Amino acid sequence: MKKSFGDDAMGPEYEQQVRDSIDRHKGKNIEAMILNSADSLDIGRVATGAFEIDKFMFLKTGNGEKPNREIEALRQELAKEADLLQRLTNPLCARRRALDLLDMQNANARGAEEKFLNEQKEGLLNDIAADFAADWEVSSDDYMKRFEDTIKNNPQMFPVLSKYYSGNARPA
């Protein structure tokens, strides 16, 4: 920011908030909450494929406080919807179960069966890599539109997220 906009681009208080958000995940402003939440969405892409609500920072209370029931219910629902959105829009998450199944089948396989399962897995991984590569060719607006359209066109699957979809074009 300083390099692009000058030393006084943010102001010392805002700069400290940004540092707290990035370095220590403890910023208290809305930008910090959004950054922490976006960061948390990657948790669904862990090796186990399990979305870990305890690491989902959005609406998390501090100092060991227990969130009230309303906040906890919202966190739980947002976590479910974020996990589902990843499974529908992220090539790896969408194929996680198929990869896990191949690994389970391959655990006891030998010979020709093992070779076949390894070829299946390699093909699946190549498909995932190709999908990720194709995503790099899509404009940022079109990439985000895919997520927005998934939510907009499936309000029954995303009752919380779709509630906040306005249907209007994003501001330029």
Protein backbone atom coordinates (compact mmCIF):
# COMPACT_ATOMS: atom_id res chain seq x y z
CA MET A 1 0.00 0.00 0.00
CA LYS A 2 2.75 2.44 0.94
CA LYS A 3 4.71 1.64 -2.21
CA SER A 4 1.67 2.23 -4.41
CA PHE A 5 -0.01 5.09 -2.55
CA GLY A 6 2.64 6.74 -0.36
CA ASP A 7 3.71 6.52 3.27
CA ASP A 8 0.57 8.21 4.58
CA ALA A 9 -1.90 6.19 2.52
CA MET A 10 -3.53 4.44 5.48
CA GLY A 11 -2.73 6.39 8.61
CA PRO A 12 -1.03 4.82 11.63
CA GLU A 13 -4.17 3.47 13.34
CA TYR A 14 -5.54 1.83 10.21
CA GLU A 15 -2.09 0.49 9.35
CA GLN A 16 -1.88 -1.16 12.78
CA GLN A 17 -5.33 -2.68 12.30
CA VAL A 18 -4.24 -4.11 8.96
CA ARG A 19 -1.08 -5.51 10.55
CA ASP A 20 -3.11 -7.04 13.39
CA SER A 21 -5.50 -8.59 10.87
CA ILE A 22 -2.79 -10.15 8.75
CA ASP A 23 -0.08 -10.96 11.26
CA ARG A 24 -2.05 -11.97 14.31
CA HIS A 25 -5.64 -12.47 13.09
CA LYS A 26 -6.87 -10.27 15.89
CA GLY A 27 -8.07 -7.12 14.15
CA LYS A 28 -11.45 -5.80 15.30
CA ASN A 29 -12.60 -3.78 12.27
CA ILE A 30 -14.90 -5.10 9.52
CA GLU A 31 -12.00 -5.54 7.11
CA ALA A 32 -10.26 -7.79 9.64
CA MET A 33 -13.41 -9.87 10.08
CA ILE A 34 -13.74 -10.28 6.32
CA LEU A 35 -10.07 -11.16 5.92
CA ASN A 36 -10.23 -13.72 8.71
CA SER A 37 -13.42 -15.22 7.30
CA ALA A 38 -11.98 -15.46 3.79
CA ASP A 39 -8.88 -17.05 5.26
CA SER A 40 -11.05 -19.53 7.10
CA LEU A 41 -12.79 -20.66 3.92
CA ASP A 42 -9.56 -22.42 2.90
CA ILE A 43 -9.97 -24.73 5.89
CA GLY A 44 -12.39 -26.82 3.86
CA ARG A 45 -9.55 -27.71 1.53
CA VAL A 46 -7.53 -29.53 4.18
CA ALA A 47 -6.31 -33.07 3.50
CA THR A 48 -9.22 -34.61 5.40
CA GLY A 49 -11.79 -32.58 3.51
CA ALA A 50 -13.46 -31.73 6.82
CA PHE A 51 -14.61 -28.17 7.34
CA GLU A 52 -13.47 -27.30 10.86
CA ILE A 53 -15.93 -24.88 12.49
CA ASP A 54 -13.53 -24.20 15.39
CA LYS A 55 -11.15 -22.56 12.93
CA PHE A 56 -13.89 -20.53 11.24
CA MET A 57 -13.12 -17.08 12.67
CA PHE A 58 -16.25 -15.27 11.54
CA LEU A 59 -18.35 -14.18 14.54
CA LYS A 60 -15.91 -15.86 16.90
CA THR A 61 -15.75 -14.41 20.36
CA GLY A 62 -12.50 -13.62 22.11
CA ASN A 63 -10.83 -14.65 25.33
CA GLY A 64 -12.65 -17.97 25.61
CA GLU A 65 -16.08 -16.33 25.72
CA LYS A 66 -18.97 -18.50 24.61
CA PRO A 67 -20.98 -17.06 21.72
CA ASN A 68 -24.69 -16.67 22.29
CA ARG A 69 -27.00 -19.24 20.66
CA GLU A 70 -27.92 -16.94 17.77
CA ILE A 71 -24.29 -16.31 16.82
CA GLU A 72 -23.37 -19.98 17.20
CA ALA A 73 -26.30 -21.04 15.01
CA LEU A 74 -25.30 -18.48 12.36
CA ARG A 75 -21.67 -19.68 12.45
CA GLN A 76 -22.79 -23.29 12.08
CA GLU A 77 -25.06 -22.47 9.13
CA LEU A 78 -22.42 -20.31 7.42
CA ALA A 79 -19.86 -23.09 7.85
CA LYS A 80 -22.24 -25.61 6.24
CA GLU A 81 -23.00 -23.26 3.37
CA ALA A 82 -19.32 -22.38 2.84
CA ASP A 83 -18.44 -26.08 2.77
CA LEU A 84 -21.20 -26.79 0.25
CA LEU A 85 -20.18 -23.81 -1.90
CA GLN A 86 -16.62 -25.14 -2.00
CA ARG A 87 -17.80 -28.60 -2.96
CA LEU A 88 -19.80 -27.12 -5.84
CA THR A 89 -17.24 -24.61 -7.11
CA ASN A 90 -13.75 -25.84 -6.19
CA PRO A 91 -12.40 -28.62 -8.44
CA LEU A 92 -10.51 -30.38 -5.63
CA CYS A 93 -13.34 -30.14 -3.11
CA ALA A 94 -15.84 -31.33 -5.71
CA ARG A 95 -13.82 -34.50 -6.25
CA ARG A 96 -12.58 -35.09 -2.70
CA ARG A 97 -14.92 -38.04 -2.04
CA ALA A 98 -13.94 -39.76 -5.28
CA LEU A 99 -10.25 -39.36 -4.40
CA ASP A 100 -10.83 -40.69 -0.88
CA LEU A 101 -12.75 -43.67 -2.25
CA LEU A 102 -9.93 -44.52 -4.66
CA ASP A 103 -7.43 -44.30 -1.80
CA MET A 104 -9.54 -46.61 0.38
CA GLN A 105 -9.94 -49.14 -2.43
CA ASN A 106 -6.23 -48.95 -3.19
CA ALA A 107 -5.20 -49.63 0.42
CA ASN A 108 -5.61 -53.39 -0.03
CA ALA A 109 -5.27 -53.64 -3.80
CA ARG A 110 -2.43 -55.51 -5.45
CA GLY A 111 -1.24 -56.11 -8.98
CA ALA A 112 -3.55 -55.20 -11.84
CA GLU A 113 -6.22 -53.80 -9.51
CA GLU A 114 -3.70 -51.49 -7.84
CA LYS A 115 -2.41 -50.35 -11.24
CA PHE A 116 -5.97 -49.67 -12.44
CA LEU A 117 -6.86 -47.67 -9.30
CA ASN A 118 -3.64 -45.65 -9.57
CA GLU A 119 -4.46 -44.84 -13.20
CA GLN A 120 -7.96 -43.78 -12.16
CA LYS A 121 -6.55 -41.51 -9.45
CA GLU A 122 -3.96 -40.03 -11.81
CA GLY A 123 -6.70 -39.27 -14.34
CA LEU A 124 -8.84 -37.64 -11.66
CA LEU A 125 -5.90 -35.52 -10.45
CA ASN A 126 -5.19 -34.47 -14.04
CA ASP A 127 -8.83 -33.43 -14.44
CA ILE A 128 -8.62 -31.37 -11.24
CA ALA A 129 -5.39 -29.71 -12.41
CA ALA A 130 -6.98 -28.92 -15.79
CA ASP A 131 -10.00 -27.34 -14.08
CA PHE A 132 -7.77 -25.19 -11.89
CA ALA A 133 -5.73 -24.15 -14.96
CA ALA A 134 -8.95 -23.24 -16.80
CA ASP A 135 -9.96 -21.04 -13.84
CA TRP A 136 -6.84 -18.93 -14.42
CA GLU A 137 -8.14 -18.11 -17.90
CA VAL A 138 -11.42 -16.71 -16.56
CA SER A 139 -11.71 -13.00 -15.73
CA SER A 140 -12.10 -12.07 -12.07
CA ASP A 141 -15.63 -10.83 -12.70
CA ASP A 142 -16.67 -14.07 -14.41
CA TYR A 143 -14.97 -16.14 -11.72
CA MET A 144 -16.89 -14.34 -8.96
CA LYS A 145 -20.10 -14.51 -10.99
CA ARG A 146 -19.87 -18.30 -10.88
CA PHE A 147 -19.98 -18.21 -7.07
CA GLU A 148 -22.72 -15.60 -7.01
CA ASP A 149 -24.81 -17.54 -9.54
CA THR A 150 -24.39 -20.76 -7.58
CA ILE A 151 -25.80 -19.02 -4.50
CA LYS A 152 -28.48 -17.06 -6.38
CA ASN A 153 -29.75 -20.09 -8.32
CA ASN A 154 -29.84 -22.38 -5.27
CA PRO A 155 -31.44 -20.42 -2.42
CA GLN A 156 -32.73 -23.65 -0.87
CA MET A 157 -29.11 -24.83 -0.52
CA PHE A 158 -27.81 -21.46 0.68
CA PRO A 159 -30.56 -19.91 2.82
CA VAL A 160 -28.21 -17.59 4.74
CA LEU A 161 -25.92 -16.54 1.88
CA SER A 162 -28.79 -16.10 -0.60
CA LYS A 163 -30.56 -13.81 1.84
CA TYR A 164 -27.81 -11.26 1.23
CA TYR A 165 -27.67 -11.59 -2.55
CA SER A 166 -29.21 -8.45 -3.99
CA GLY A 167 -29.32 -9.57 -7.61
CA ASN A 168 -27.73 -6.28 -8.61
CA ALA A 169 -24.43 -6.01 -10.39
CA ARG A 170 -21.46 -5.55 -8.12
CA PRO A 171 -20.14 -1.99 -7.89
CA ALA A 172 -17.30 -1.24 -10.28
